[in-house]
Amino acid sequence: MDKEIKILIFLVNGEYYATDIMEVERISSYQTPTKLPDSPAFIEGVINHEGYILPIMNLYKRFNLNNSYIGQESKIIVAKENKGRIGIIVDLVSEVRDVKLSDIEPAPEVVAGISKRYIKGLIKLEDKIVVFLNLSTILTEEEKEDLL
């Protein structure tokens, strides 16, 4: 029997990305982060999330995409990290769905300019290819030390 996993699909810069639902704690409405001096460029700032400080990452800046855009549909995905949590701004949360492991292909070296270390693979769905992100590697160990 082909094993399945649940993924959360979301849009950033018109591209579909996904993450394992087990890496997601919750999806929150977008709120404007408080900027922090001297934080990395891809960190928009922090928000108060249920009484703790949550660093907010901008994937546009992390992946060196063009201008980031915050719209009415923008959400913050709260991702669980071993050391803490991080919020990730996405343009739109699309859906949660089951995917067969056999439908996930290994990632090529570079996908749309995004380093392979962020990517678990590519998921082929009926009408699109979804980049399957590994949220736990979006921050380097050093960045986790500094931020979480």
N, C-alpha and C. Protein backbone atom coordinates (compact mmCIF):
# COMPACT_ATOMS: atom_id res chain seq x y z
N MET A 1 0.84 -1.20 0.00
CA MET A 1 0.00 0.00 0.00
C MET A 1 0.87 1.25 0.00
N ASP A 2 0.48 2.21 -0.79
CA ASP A 2 1.27 3.42 -0.92
C ASP A 2 0.98 4.35 0.26
N LYS A 3 2.03 4.69 1.01
CA LYS A 3 1.84 5.57 2.16
C LYS A 3 1.46 6.97 1.73
N GLU A 4 0.63 7.61 2.55
CA GLU A 4 0.23 8.99 2.26
C GLU A 4 0.63 9.89 3.41
N ILE A 5 0.84 11.16 3.09
CA ILE A 5 1.05 12.15 4.13
C ILE A 5 0.08 13.30 3.85
N LYS A 6 -0.21 14.06 4.88
CA LYS A 6 -1.05 15.25 4.73
C LYS A 6 -0.15 16.45 4.53
N ILE A 7 -0.48 17.25 3.52
CA ILE A 7 0.31 18.45 3.28
C ILE A 7 -0.60 19.68 3.29
N LEU A 8 0.02 20.80 3.60
CA LEU A 8 -0.64 22.10 3.51
C LEU A 8 -0.06 22.79 2.28
N ILE A 9 -0.93 23.19 1.36
CA ILE A 9 -0.48 23.86 0.14
C ILE A 9 -0.75 25.35 0.27
N PHE A 10 0.26 26.15 -0.10
CA PHE A 10 0.09 27.60 -0.03
C PHE A 10 0.80 28.26 -1.20
N LEU A 11 0.47 29.51 -1.43
CA LEU A 11 1.01 30.26 -2.56
C LEU A 11 1.98 31.33 -2.08
N VAL A 12 3.10 31.43 -2.76
CA VAL A 12 4.04 32.53 -2.56
C VAL A 12 4.51 32.95 -3.94
N ASN A 13 4.32 34.21 -4.27
CA ASN A 13 4.79 34.76 -5.54
C ASN A 13 4.22 33.98 -6.73
N GLY A 14 2.97 33.55 -6.61
CA GLY A 14 2.32 32.85 -7.72
C GLY A 14 2.72 31.39 -7.87
N GLU A 15 3.59 30.89 -7.00
CA GLU A 15 4.02 29.49 -7.07
C GLU A 15 3.37 28.72 -5.92
N TYR A 16 3.10 27.45 -6.17
CA TYR A 16 2.54 26.60 -5.12
C TYR A 16 3.66 25.92 -4.34
N TYR A 17 3.56 26.01 -3.03
CA TYR A 17 4.49 25.34 -2.13
C TYR A 17 3.66 24.49 -1.17
N ALA A 18 4.32 23.53 -0.55
CA ALA A 18 3.62 22.72 0.44
C ALA A 18 4.58 22.41 1.57
N THR A 19 4.00 22.07 2.70
CA THR A 19 4.78 21.56 3.82
C THR A 19 4.00 20.43 4.46
N ASP A 20 4.70 19.56 5.12
CA ASP A 20 4.06 18.49 5.87
C ASP A 20 3.21 19.13 6.97
N ILE A 21 1.97 18.72 7.07
CA ILE A 21 1.06 19.34 8.05
C ILE A 21 1.59 19.14 9.47
N MET A 22 2.42 18.12 9.68
CA MET A 22 2.98 17.88 11.01
C MET A 22 3.95 18.98 11.44
N GLU A 23 4.44 19.75 10.47
CA GLU A 23 5.36 20.85 10.79
C GLU A 23 4.60 22.14 11.12
N VAL A 24 3.28 22.11 10.95
CA VAL A 24 2.49 23.33 11.12
C VAL A 24 1.73 23.27 12.43
N GLU A 25 1.86 24.32 13.22
CA GLU A 25 1.08 24.38 14.45
C GLU A 25 -0.29 24.99 14.19
N ARG A 26 -0.29 26.07 13.44
CA ARG A 26 -1.56 26.70 13.10
C ARG A 26 -1.37 27.69 11.97
N ILE A 27 -2.49 28.18 11.46
CA ILE A 27 -2.48 29.22 10.43
C ILE A 27 -3.18 30.42 11.04
N SER A 28 -2.53 31.57 11.04
CA SER A 28 -3.09 32.77 11.65
C SER A 28 -3.32 33.84 10.59
N SER A 29 -4.21 34.75 10.93
CA SER A 29 -4.38 35.92 10.07
C SER A 29 -3.08 36.71 10.08
N TYR A 30 -2.87 37.45 9.00
CA TYR A 30 -1.66 38.28 8.95
C TYR A 30 -1.79 39.42 9.94
N GLN A 31 -0.74 39.67 10.68
CA GLN A 31 -0.65 40.92 11.45
C GLN A 31 0.72 41.51 11.21
N THR A 32 0.78 42.82 11.19
CA THR A 32 2.04 43.50 10.88
C THR A 32 3.04 43.28 11.99
N PRO A 33 4.20 42.70 11.66
CA PRO A 33 5.21 42.46 12.69
C PRO A 33 5.86 43.76 13.16
N THR A 34 6.35 43.73 14.38
CA THR A 34 7.16 44.83 14.91
C THR A 34 8.59 44.61 14.44
N LYS A 35 9.14 45.62 13.77
CA LYS A 35 10.49 45.47 13.23
C LYS A 35 11.51 45.41 14.37
N LEU A 36 12.54 44.60 14.16
CA LEU A 36 13.62 44.50 15.13
C LEU A 36 14.90 45.03 14.49
N PRO A 37 15.64 45.86 15.21
CA PRO A 37 16.92 46.32 14.63
C PRO A 37 17.88 45.14 14.52
N ASP A 38 18.75 45.19 13.52
CA ASP A 38 19.81 44.20 13.35
C ASP A 38 19.33 42.78 13.14
N SER A 39 18.07 42.59 12.75
CA SER A 39 17.67 41.21 12.48
C SER A 39 17.98 40.92 11.01
N PRO A 40 18.07 39.63 10.63
CA PRO A 40 18.37 39.33 9.21
C PRO A 40 17.30 39.93 8.30
N ALA A 41 17.68 40.22 7.06
CA ALA A 41 16.77 40.90 6.12
C ALA A 41 15.48 40.13 5.89
N PHE A 42 15.55 38.79 5.97
CA PHE A 42 14.35 37.99 5.66
C PHE A 42 13.42 37.88 6.86
N ILE A 43 13.79 38.45 8.00
CA ILE A 43 12.90 38.46 9.16
C ILE A 43 12.18 39.81 9.18
N GLU A 44 10.86 39.76 9.03
CA GLU A 44 10.07 40.99 8.97
C GLU A 44 9.96 41.65 10.34
N GLY A 45 10.11 40.85 11.39
CA GLY A 45 9.96 41.37 12.74
C GLY A 45 9.36 40.28 13.61
N VAL A 46 8.67 40.69 14.66
CA VAL A 46 8.06 39.72 15.58
C VAL A 46 6.60 40.11 15.84
N ILE A 47 5.80 39.11 16.22
CA ILE A 47 4.44 39.38 16.68
C ILE A 47 4.25 38.68 18.03
N ASN A 48 3.24 39.12 18.74
CA ASN A 48 2.87 38.46 19.98
C ASN A 48 1.89 37.36 19.59
N HIS A 49 2.30 36.13 19.80
CA HIS A 49 1.47 34.99 19.42
C HIS A 49 1.15 34.20 20.68
N GLU A 50 -0.08 34.32 21.14
CA GLU A 50 -0.52 33.61 22.35
C GLU A 50 0.43 33.80 23.52
N GLY A 51 0.91 35.04 23.67
CA GLY A 51 1.73 35.35 24.83
C GLY A 51 3.21 35.13 24.65
N TYR A 52 3.63 34.59 23.50
CA TYR A 52 5.07 34.52 23.29
C TYR A 52 5.45 35.25 22.01
N ILE A 53 6.72 35.60 21.94
CA ILE A 53 7.24 36.38 20.81
C ILE A 53 7.55 35.43 19.66
N LEU A 54 6.96 35.71 18.52
CA LEU A 54 7.12 34.84 17.34
C LEU A 54 7.85 35.61 16.25
N PRO A 55 9.07 35.15 15.86
CA PRO A 55 9.73 35.79 14.72
C PRO A 55 8.98 35.48 13.43
N ILE A 56 8.86 36.47 12.55
CA ILE A 56 8.11 36.31 11.31
C ILE A 56 9.06 36.38 10.12
N MET A 57 9.06 35.30 9.32
CA MET A 57 9.94 35.22 8.16
C MET A 57 9.19 35.56 6.89
N ASN A 58 9.88 36.28 6.01
CA ASN A 58 9.34 36.62 4.70
C ASN A 58 10.01 35.71 3.66
N LEU A 59 9.26 34.77 3.09
CA LEU A 59 9.84 33.83 2.13
C LEU A 59 10.31 34.52 0.85
N TYR A 60 9.66 35.64 0.49
CA TYR A 60 10.13 36.38 -0.68
C TYR A 60 11.60 36.75 -0.49
N LYS A 61 11.90 37.27 0.70
CA LYS A 61 13.27 37.70 0.96
C LYS A 61 14.19 36.50 1.17
N ARG A 62 13.68 35.46 1.83
CA ARG A 62 14.50 34.28 2.08
C ARG A 62 14.90 33.62 0.76
N PHE A 63 13.96 33.58 -0.18
CA PHE A 63 14.21 32.91 -1.45
C PHE A 63 14.69 33.88 -2.53
N ASN A 64 14.99 35.12 -2.13
CA ASN A 64 15.46 36.15 -3.09
C ASN A 64 14.49 36.34 -4.25
N LEU A 65 13.20 36.35 -3.95
CA LEU A 65 12.20 36.61 -4.98
C LEU A 65 12.04 38.12 -5.10
N ASN A 66 11.19 38.53 -6.02
CA ASN A 66 10.99 39.97 -6.20
C ASN A 66 10.28 40.55 -4.99
N ASN A 67 9.73 41.71 -5.18
CA ASN A 67 9.08 42.40 -4.06
C ASN A 67 8.06 41.53 -3.37
N SER A 68 8.08 41.56 -2.07
CA SER A 68 7.07 40.80 -1.37
C SER A 68 5.78 41.61 -1.36
N TYR A 69 4.73 40.92 -1.10
CA TYR A 69 3.42 41.53 -1.24
C TYR A 69 2.56 41.01 -0.11
N ILE A 70 1.92 41.92 0.60
CA ILE A 70 0.99 41.52 1.65
C ILE A 70 -0.40 41.94 1.19
N GLY A 71 -1.30 40.96 1.07
CA GLY A 71 -2.65 41.28 0.61
C GLY A 71 -3.68 40.80 1.62
N GLN A 72 -4.93 40.93 1.26
CA GLN A 72 -6.01 40.53 2.16
C GLN A 72 -5.99 39.05 2.47
N GLU A 73 -5.47 38.25 1.54
CA GLU A 73 -5.46 36.80 1.72
C GLU A 73 -4.21 36.32 2.47
N SER A 74 -3.26 37.22 2.71
CA SER A 74 -2.00 36.81 3.34
C SER A 74 -2.26 36.20 4.71
N LYS A 75 -1.48 35.17 5.01
CA LYS A 75 -1.60 34.48 6.30
C LYS A 75 -0.21 34.26 6.88
N ILE A 76 -0.19 33.90 8.14
CA ILE A 76 1.06 33.50 8.77
C ILE A 76 0.93 32.03 9.16
N ILE A 77 1.82 31.23 8.63
CA ILE A 77 1.86 29.82 9.03
C ILE A 77 2.82 29.72 10.20
N VAL A 78 2.32 29.23 11.32
CA VAL A 78 3.19 29.06 12.50
C VAL A 78 3.78 27.65 12.42
N ALA A 79 5.10 27.61 12.21
CA ALA A 79 5.79 26.33 12.03
C ALA A 79 6.50 25.95 13.32
N LYS A 80 6.43 24.66 13.63
CA LYS A 80 7.08 24.15 14.84
C LYS A 80 8.54 23.86 14.54
N GLU A 81 9.39 24.33 15.39
CA GLU A 81 10.83 24.07 15.30
C GLU A 81 11.23 23.36 16.57
N ASN A 82 12.31 22.60 16.53
CA ASN A 82 12.78 21.94 17.76
C ASN A 82 13.00 22.96 18.87
N LYS A 83 13.56 24.10 18.48
CA LYS A 83 13.95 25.09 19.49
C LYS A 83 12.84 26.09 19.80
N GLY A 84 11.81 26.12 18.98
CA GLY A 84 10.76 27.12 19.19
C GLY A 84 9.82 27.14 18.00
N ARG A 85 9.33 28.30 17.67
CA ARG A 85 8.41 28.43 16.55
C ARG A 85 8.80 29.61 15.70
N ILE A 86 8.41 29.54 14.44
CA ILE A 86 8.62 30.67 13.55
C ILE A 86 7.36 30.86 12.72
N GLY A 87 7.04 32.11 12.45
CA GLY A 87 5.91 32.42 11.58
C GLY A 87 6.41 32.69 10.17
N ILE A 88 5.69 32.18 9.19
CA ILE A 88 6.10 32.34 7.80
C ILE A 88 4.94 33.01 7.06
N ILE A 89 5.23 34.14 6.42
CA ILE A 89 4.19 34.85 5.68
C ILE A 89 3.97 34.16 4.34
N VAL A 90 2.71 33.85 4.03
CA VAL A 90 2.38 33.31 2.72
C VAL A 90 1.26 34.15 2.11
N ASP A 91 1.17 34.14 0.78
CA ASP A 91 0.19 34.98 0.09
C ASP A 91 -1.22 34.44 0.25
N LEU A 92 -1.33 33.12 0.30
CA LEU A 92 -2.64 32.49 0.32
C LEU A 92 -2.47 31.05 0.78
N VAL A 93 -3.33 30.61 1.68
CA VAL A 93 -3.33 29.19 2.04
C VAL A 93 -4.37 28.53 1.14
N SER A 94 -3.93 27.51 0.39
CA SER A 94 -4.78 26.92 -0.62
C SER A 94 -5.62 25.77 -0.06
N GLU A 95 -4.97 24.71 0.45
CA GLU A 95 -5.74 23.55 0.90
C GLU A 95 -4.85 22.61 1.69
N VAL A 96 -5.50 21.71 2.39
CA VAL A 96 -4.81 20.58 3.01
C VAL A 96 -5.26 19.36 2.23
N ARG A 97 -4.31 18.50 1.87
CA ARG A 97 -4.70 17.31 1.14
C ARG A 97 -3.72 16.17 1.41
N ASP A 98 -4.19 14.96 1.11
CA ASP A 98 -3.33 13.78 1.24
C ASP A 98 -2.55 13.60 -0.06
N VAL A 99 -1.29 13.21 0.09
CA VAL A 99 -0.45 12.96 -1.08
C VAL A 99 0.25 11.63 -0.88
N LYS A 100 0.30 10.84 -1.94
CA LYS A 100 1.04 9.58 -1.87
C LYS A 100 2.53 9.88 -1.91
N LEU A 101 3.28 9.16 -1.09
CA LEU A 101 4.73 9.36 -1.09
C LEU A 101 5.32 9.09 -2.48
N SER A 102 4.68 8.20 -3.22
CA SER A 102 5.19 7.88 -4.56
C SER A 102 4.99 9.04 -5.55
N ASP A 103 4.15 10.01 -5.18
CA ASP A 103 3.95 11.17 -6.05
C ASP A 103 4.94 12.30 -5.76
N ILE A 104 5.84 12.06 -4.82
CA ILE A 104 6.84 13.08 -4.48
C ILE A 104 8.16 12.68 -5.13
N GLU A 105 8.65 13.56 -6.01
CA GLU A 105 9.90 13.28 -6.71
C GLU A 105 11.04 14.03 -6.03
N PRO A 106 12.25 13.49 -6.11
CA PRO A 106 13.40 14.22 -5.55
C PRO A 106 13.54 15.57 -6.26
N ALA A 107 14.00 16.56 -5.53
CA ALA A 107 14.15 17.89 -6.11
C ALA A 107 15.41 17.97 -6.95
N PRO A 108 15.34 18.69 -8.08
CA PRO A 108 16.57 18.98 -8.82
C PRO A 108 17.45 19.93 -7.98
N GLU A 109 18.65 20.18 -8.43
CA GLU A 109 19.59 21.00 -7.64
C GLU A 109 19.02 22.38 -7.31
N VAL A 110 18.44 23.02 -8.28
CA VAL A 110 17.89 24.36 -8.04
C VAL A 110 16.48 24.40 -8.62
N VAL A 111 15.54 24.83 -7.83
CA VAL A 111 14.16 24.97 -8.31
C VAL A 111 13.80 26.43 -8.17
N ALA A 112 13.51 27.08 -9.27
CA ALA A 112 13.10 28.49 -9.26
C ALA A 112 14.06 29.32 -8.41
N GLY A 113 15.34 28.99 -8.47
CA GLY A 113 16.33 29.78 -7.74
C GLY A 113 16.39 29.50 -6.25
N ILE A 114 15.68 28.49 -5.77
CA ILE A 114 15.64 28.19 -4.34
C ILE A 114 16.61 27.06 -4.03
N SER A 115 17.42 27.27 -3.04
CA SER A 115 18.42 26.27 -2.68
C SER A 115 17.78 24.94 -2.33
N LYS A 116 18.44 23.87 -2.72
CA LYS A 116 17.90 22.52 -2.52
C LYS A 116 17.72 22.19 -1.04
N ARG A 117 18.47 22.86 -0.17
CA ARG A 117 18.37 22.48 1.24
C ARG A 117 16.99 22.78 1.83
N TYR A 118 16.24 23.65 1.18
CA TYR A 118 14.89 23.97 1.67
C TYR A 118 13.85 22.99 1.17
N ILE A 119 14.22 22.13 0.21
CA ILE A 119 13.21 21.39 -0.54
C ILE A 119 13.30 19.89 -0.30
N LYS A 120 12.16 19.30 0.05
CA LYS A 120 12.09 17.84 0.21
C LYS A 120 11.84 17.16 -1.12
N GLY A 121 11.17 17.84 -2.02
CA GLY A 121 10.87 17.22 -3.31
C GLY A 121 9.84 18.04 -4.06
N LEU A 122 9.39 17.47 -5.17
CA LEU A 122 8.35 18.09 -5.98
C LEU A 122 7.15 17.15 -6.00
N ILE A 123 5.98 17.72 -5.81
CA ILE A 123 4.76 16.91 -5.78
C ILE A 123 3.98 17.17 -7.06
N LYS A 124 3.67 16.10 -7.76
CA LYS A 124 2.90 16.24 -9.00
C LYS A 124 1.43 16.08 -8.65
N LEU A 125 0.67 17.14 -8.85
CA LEU A 125 -0.78 17.06 -8.69
C LEU A 125 -1.39 17.16 -10.08
N GLU A 126 -2.70 16.98 -10.16
CA GLU A 126 -3.37 16.94 -11.47
C GLU A 126 -2.92 18.10 -12.36
N ASP A 127 -3.03 19.30 -11.84
CA ASP A 127 -2.87 20.47 -12.72
C ASP A 127 -1.67 21.32 -12.35
N LYS A 128 -0.84 20.87 -11.40
CA LYS A 128 0.28 21.72 -11.03
C LYS A 128 1.39 20.91 -10.36
N ILE A 129 2.55 21.53 -10.31
CA ILE A 129 3.66 20.95 -9.56
C ILE A 129 3.85 21.82 -8.33
N VAL A 130 3.94 21.16 -7.19
CA VAL A 130 4.05 21.87 -5.93
C VAL A 130 5.44 21.61 -5.35
N VAL A 131 6.11 22.68 -4.93
CA VAL A 131 7.43 22.55 -4.31
C VAL A 131 7.21 22.19 -2.83
N PHE A 132 7.72 21.02 -2.45
CA PHE A 132 7.52 20.50 -1.09
C PHE A 132 8.67 20.99 -0.22
N LEU A 133 8.35 21.96 0.63
CA LEU A 133 9.40 22.58 1.45
C LEU A 133 9.67 21.79 2.72
N ASN A 134 10.88 21.89 3.17
CA ASN A 134 11.28 21.33 4.46
C ASN A 134 11.43 22.51 5.41
N LEU A 135 10.36 22.83 6.14
CA LEU A 135 10.38 24.04 6.96
C LEU A 135 11.47 23.99 8.02
N SER A 136 11.84 22.80 8.47
CA SER A 136 12.83 22.74 9.53
C SER A 136 14.23 23.13 9.04
N THR A 137 14.43 23.21 7.73
CA THR A 137 15.75 23.64 7.23
C THR A 137 15.72 25.05 6.67
N ILE A 138 14.59 25.73 6.81
CA ILE A 138 14.51 27.09 6.27
C ILE A 138 15.46 28.02 7.03
N LEU A 139 15.65 27.72 8.30
CA LEU A 139 16.64 28.46 9.08
C LEU A 139 17.86 27.57 9.27
N THR A 140 19.04 28.15 9.17
CA THR A 140 20.24 27.39 9.49
C THR A 140 20.32 27.24 11.01
N GLU A 141 21.16 26.33 11.47
CA GLU A 141 21.31 26.15 12.92
C GLU A 141 21.70 27.45 13.59
N GLU A 142 22.60 28.20 12.93
CA GLU A 142 23.06 29.48 13.48
C GLU A 142 21.90 30.47 13.59
N GLU A 143 21.07 30.53 12.55
CA GLU A 143 19.93 31.45 12.59
C GLU A 143 18.97 31.05 13.69
N LYS A 144 18.77 29.73 13.88
CA LYS A 144 17.88 29.26 14.95
C LYS A 144 18.41 29.72 16.30
N GLU A 145 19.71 29.62 16.48
CA GLU A 145 20.32 30.08 17.74
C GLU A 145 19.99 31.55 17.97
N ASP A 146 20.12 32.35 16.91
CA ASP A 146 19.91 33.79 17.04
C ASP A 146 18.45 34.17 17.23
N LEU A 147 17.55 33.41 16.61
CA LEU A 147 16.16 33.85 16.54
C LEU A 147 15.22 33.15 17.50
N LEU A 148 15.46 31.87 17.79
CA LEU A 148 14.46 31.11 18.55
C LEU A 148 14.84 30.98 20.01
